Amino acid sequence: MKTAISIDDRLLQDADRVARDMGVSRSRLFSVALREYLLHRHAQATIERLNRVYAGDADPAEQRTVKGMKAKFRPVLKERW
């Protein structure tokens, strides 16, 4: 899909330089960079949720879900391999 965005001139020059160094198009560079950013953001959100759960600050629904998961998998973890 094509789209139009505004980017600072200096940032665009840097992006063009990196794209050339990598041997990819500017569009490909932006796609890869955006995908990596979104994955990082998702991972950070997951870490924040886990931190809240382990700190006891999670909402009650999350706490029930975690308790249920622990109860479900605890017997599996205790089995001898």
N, C-alpha and C. Protein backbone atom coordinates (compact mmCIF):
# COMPACT_ATOMS: atom_id res chain seq x y z
N MET A 1 0.84 -1.17 0.00
CA MET A 1 0.00 0.00 0.00
C MET A 1 0.89 1.24 0.00
N LYS A 2 0.52 2.19 -0.76
CA LYS A 2 1.28 3.44 -0.80
C LYS A 2 0.67 4.42 0.18
N THR A 3 1.54 5.23 0.78
CA THR A 3 1.09 6.26 1.70
C THR A 3 2.07 7.43 1.63
N ALA A 4 1.63 8.56 2.09
CA ALA A 4 2.49 9.74 2.11
C ALA A 4 2.67 10.15 3.57
N ILE A 5 3.92 10.40 3.96
CA ILE A 5 4.21 10.84 5.32
C ILE A 5 5.21 11.98 5.26
N SER A 6 5.26 12.76 6.31
CA SER A 6 6.23 13.85 6.41
C SER A 6 7.35 13.41 7.35
N ILE A 7 8.59 13.61 6.89
CA ILE A 7 9.76 13.22 7.67
C ILE A 7 10.76 14.37 7.62
N ASP A 8 11.40 14.62 8.73
CA ASP A 8 12.43 15.63 8.81
C ASP A 8 13.50 15.35 7.75
N ASP A 9 13.99 16.40 7.11
CA ASP A 9 14.98 16.25 6.03
C ASP A 9 16.21 15.46 6.48
N ARG A 10 16.72 15.79 7.64
CA ARG A 10 17.93 15.12 8.14
C ARG A 10 17.68 13.62 8.36
N LEU A 11 16.52 13.30 8.92
CA LEU A 11 16.17 11.90 9.15
C LEU A 11 16.03 11.15 7.83
N LEU A 12 15.44 11.79 6.84
CA LEU A 12 15.29 11.16 5.53
C LEU A 12 16.66 10.93 4.88
N GLN A 13 17.55 11.89 5.00
CA GLN A 13 18.90 11.71 4.46
C GLN A 13 19.61 10.54 5.13
N ASP A 14 19.49 10.46 6.45
CA ASP A 14 20.09 9.34 7.17
C ASP A 14 19.47 8.01 6.74
N ALA A 15 18.16 8.00 6.57
CA ALA A 15 17.47 6.77 6.14
C ALA A 15 17.93 6.37 4.74
N ASP A 16 18.07 7.33 3.85
CA ASP A 16 18.55 7.03 2.49
C ASP A 16 19.96 6.44 2.53
N ARG A 17 20.79 6.99 3.37
CA ARG A 17 22.17 6.50 3.49
C ARG A 17 22.18 5.05 4.01
N VAL A 18 21.38 4.79 5.02
CA VAL A 18 21.32 3.44 5.58
C VAL A 18 20.73 2.47 4.56
N ALA A 19 19.71 2.88 3.85
CA ALA A 19 19.11 2.02 2.83
C ALA A 19 20.14 1.66 1.76
N ARG A 20 20.91 2.64 1.33
CA ARG A 20 21.96 2.37 0.34
C ARG A 20 22.99 1.39 0.90
N ASP A 21 23.42 1.63 2.14
CA ASP A 21 24.41 0.75 2.77
C ASP A 21 23.89 -0.68 2.89
N MET A 22 22.60 -0.82 3.14
CA MET A 22 22.00 -2.14 3.29
C MET A 22 21.63 -2.78 1.95
N GLY A 23 21.61 -1.95 0.91
CA GLY A 23 21.24 -2.46 -0.41
C GLY A 23 19.75 -2.72 -0.55
N VAL A 24 18.96 -1.92 0.14
CA VAL A 24 17.50 -2.06 0.05
C VAL A 24 16.89 -0.72 -0.33
N SER A 25 15.64 -0.77 -0.73
CA SER A 25 14.95 0.47 -1.06
C SER A 25 14.58 1.22 0.22
N ARG A 26 14.30 2.49 0.08
CA ARG A 26 13.85 3.29 1.21
C ARG A 26 12.55 2.71 1.77
N SER A 27 11.67 2.31 0.89
CA SER A 27 10.40 1.73 1.34
C SER A 27 10.63 0.47 2.17
N ARG A 28 11.56 -0.37 1.71
CA ARG A 28 11.86 -1.60 2.45
C ARG A 28 12.46 -1.27 3.82
N LEU A 29 13.36 -0.30 3.85
CA LEU A 29 13.95 0.12 5.11
C LEU A 29 12.87 0.59 6.08
N PHE A 30 11.95 1.42 5.61
CA PHE A 30 10.89 1.92 6.48
C PHE A 30 10.00 0.78 6.96
N SER A 31 9.70 -0.17 6.09
CA SER A 31 8.87 -1.31 6.48
C SER A 31 9.55 -2.14 7.55
N VAL A 32 10.84 -2.42 7.36
CA VAL A 32 11.59 -3.21 8.34
C VAL A 32 11.69 -2.45 9.67
N ALA A 33 11.98 -1.17 9.60
CA ALA A 33 12.11 -0.37 10.81
C ALA A 33 10.79 -0.28 11.57
N LEU A 34 9.71 -0.09 10.85
CA LEU A 34 8.41 0.00 11.50
C LEU A 34 8.02 -1.34 12.13
N ARG A 35 8.29 -2.43 11.43
CA ARG A 35 7.98 -3.76 11.97
C ARG A 35 8.78 -3.99 13.27
N GLU A 36 10.06 -3.65 13.25
CA GLU A 36 10.89 -3.82 14.44
C GLU A 36 10.39 -2.95 15.59
N TYR A 37 10.01 -1.72 15.27
CA TYR A 37 9.50 -0.83 16.30
C TYR A 37 8.23 -1.38 16.93
N LEU A 38 7.31 -1.88 16.10
CA LEU A 38 6.06 -2.42 16.61
C LEU A 38 6.29 -3.68 17.43
N LEU A 39 7.20 -4.53 17.01
CA LEU A 39 7.54 -5.72 17.80
C LEU A 39 8.12 -5.33 19.15
N HIS A 40 9.01 -4.34 19.13
CA HIS A 40 9.61 -3.85 20.38
C HIS A 40 8.54 -3.28 21.30
N ARG A 41 7.65 -2.51 20.73
CA ARG A 41 6.57 -1.90 21.52
C ARG A 41 5.67 -2.96 22.12
N HIS A 42 5.35 -3.99 21.34
CA HIS A 42 4.52 -5.08 21.84
C HIS A 42 5.24 -5.82 22.98
N ALA A 43 6.53 -6.07 22.80
CA ALA A 43 7.30 -6.75 23.84
C ALA A 43 7.33 -5.91 25.11
N GLN A 44 7.51 -4.61 24.98
CA GLN A 44 7.53 -3.73 26.15
C GLN A 44 6.19 -3.76 26.87
N ALA A 45 5.10 -3.75 26.12
CA ALA A 45 3.77 -3.79 26.73
C ALA A 45 3.58 -5.11 27.47
N THR A 46 4.07 -6.20 26.90
CA THR A 46 3.97 -7.50 27.56
C THR A 46 4.77 -7.51 28.85
N ILE A 47 5.98 -6.97 28.81
CA ILE A 47 6.82 -6.91 30.00
C ILE A 47 6.14 -6.07 31.08
N GLU A 48 5.56 -4.96 30.70
CA GLU A 48 4.87 -4.10 31.68
C GLU A 48 3.70 -4.84 32.32
N ARG A 49 2.93 -5.58 31.50
CA ARG A 49 1.81 -6.35 32.05
C ARG A 49 2.31 -7.43 33.00
N LEU A 50 3.37 -8.13 32.62
CA LEU A 50 3.93 -9.17 33.49
C LEU A 50 4.44 -8.57 34.79
N ASN A 51 5.09 -7.43 34.69
CA ASN A 51 5.58 -6.76 35.90
C ASN A 51 4.42 -6.40 36.83
N ARG A 52 3.32 -5.93 36.26
CA ARG A 52 2.15 -5.60 37.08
C ARG A 52 1.58 -6.85 37.74
N VAL A 53 1.53 -7.95 36.98
CA VAL A 53 1.01 -9.20 37.52
C VAL A 53 1.86 -9.67 38.68
N TYR A 54 3.19 -9.70 38.47
CA TYR A 54 4.08 -10.19 39.52
C TYR A 54 4.18 -9.24 40.71
N ALA A 55 3.89 -7.98 40.48
CA ALA A 55 3.89 -7.02 41.58
C ALA A 55 2.56 -7.01 42.32
N GLY A 56 1.58 -7.72 41.78
CA GLY A 56 0.26 -7.75 42.40
C GLY A 56 -0.59 -6.57 42.03
N ASP A 57 -0.18 -5.80 41.03
CA ASP A 57 -0.90 -4.60 40.63
C ASP A 57 -1.84 -4.83 39.45
N ALA A 58 -1.94 -6.06 38.99
CA ALA A 58 -2.77 -6.34 37.82
C ALA A 58 -4.24 -6.27 38.20
N ASP A 59 -5.07 -6.06 37.20
CA ASP A 59 -6.50 -6.04 37.49
C ASP A 59 -6.94 -7.45 37.87
N PRO A 60 -8.05 -7.57 38.58
CA PRO A 60 -8.49 -8.88 39.08
C PRO A 60 -8.68 -9.94 37.99
N ALA A 61 -9.12 -9.53 36.81
CA ALA A 61 -9.30 -10.50 35.73
C ALA A 61 -7.96 -11.10 35.32
N GLU A 62 -6.92 -10.26 35.20
CA GLU A 62 -5.58 -10.76 34.86
C GLU A 62 -5.06 -11.67 35.96
N GLN A 63 -5.30 -11.31 37.21
CA GLN A 63 -4.83 -12.12 38.32
C GLN A 63 -5.50 -13.49 38.31
N ARG A 64 -6.79 -13.53 38.01
CA ARG A 64 -7.49 -14.83 37.92
C ARG A 64 -6.94 -15.66 36.78
N THR A 65 -6.67 -15.02 35.66
CA THR A 65 -6.11 -15.74 34.51
C THR A 65 -4.76 -16.34 34.86
N VAL A 66 -3.91 -15.57 35.51
CA VAL A 66 -2.58 -16.05 35.89
C VAL A 66 -2.71 -17.20 36.88
N LYS A 67 -3.58 -17.07 37.88
CA LYS A 67 -3.77 -18.15 38.85
C LYS A 67 -4.24 -19.42 38.14
N GLY A 68 -5.17 -19.27 37.21
CA GLY A 68 -5.66 -20.43 36.48
C GLY A 68 -4.56 -21.09 35.66
N MET A 69 -3.73 -20.28 35.02
CA MET A 69 -2.63 -20.83 34.23
C MET A 69 -1.63 -21.56 35.12
N LYS A 70 -1.32 -20.97 36.27
CA LYS A 70 -0.38 -21.61 37.18
C LYS A 70 -0.94 -22.94 37.66
N ALA A 71 -2.22 -22.95 38.02
CA ALA A 71 -2.84 -24.19 38.51
C ALA A 71 -2.85 -25.25 37.43
N LYS A 72 -3.09 -24.84 36.20
CA LYS A 72 -3.15 -25.79 35.09
C LYS A 72 -1.79 -26.41 34.79
N PHE A 73 -0.74 -25.61 34.84
CA PHE A 73 0.58 -26.09 34.44
C PHE A 73 1.45 -26.57 35.59
N ARG A 74 1.07 -26.30 36.81
CA ARG A 74 1.87 -26.73 37.95
C ARG A 74 2.09 -28.24 37.96
N PRO A 75 1.04 -29.07 37.76
CA PRO A 75 1.27 -30.52 37.75
C PRO A 75 2.23 -30.96 36.64
N VAL A 76 2.17 -30.32 35.52
CA VAL A 76 3.06 -30.66 34.41
C VAL A 76 4.50 -30.37 34.78
N LEU A 77 4.73 -29.26 35.44
CA LEU A 77 6.09 -28.88 35.82
C LEU A 77 6.65 -29.78 36.91
N LYS A 78 5.78 -30.37 37.72
CA LYS A 78 6.24 -31.22 38.80
C LYS A 78 6.52 -32.66 38.35
N GLU A 79 6.05 -33.03 37.16
CA GLU A 79 6.28 -34.38 36.65
C GLU A 79 7.78 -34.61 36.42
N ARG A 80 8.20 -35.83 36.62
CA ARG A 80 9.59 -36.18 36.32
C ARG A 80 9.75 -36.38 34.82
N TRP A 81 10.85 -35.94 34.30
CA TRP A 81 11.12 -36.10 32.88
C TRP A 81 11.93 -37.30 32.70
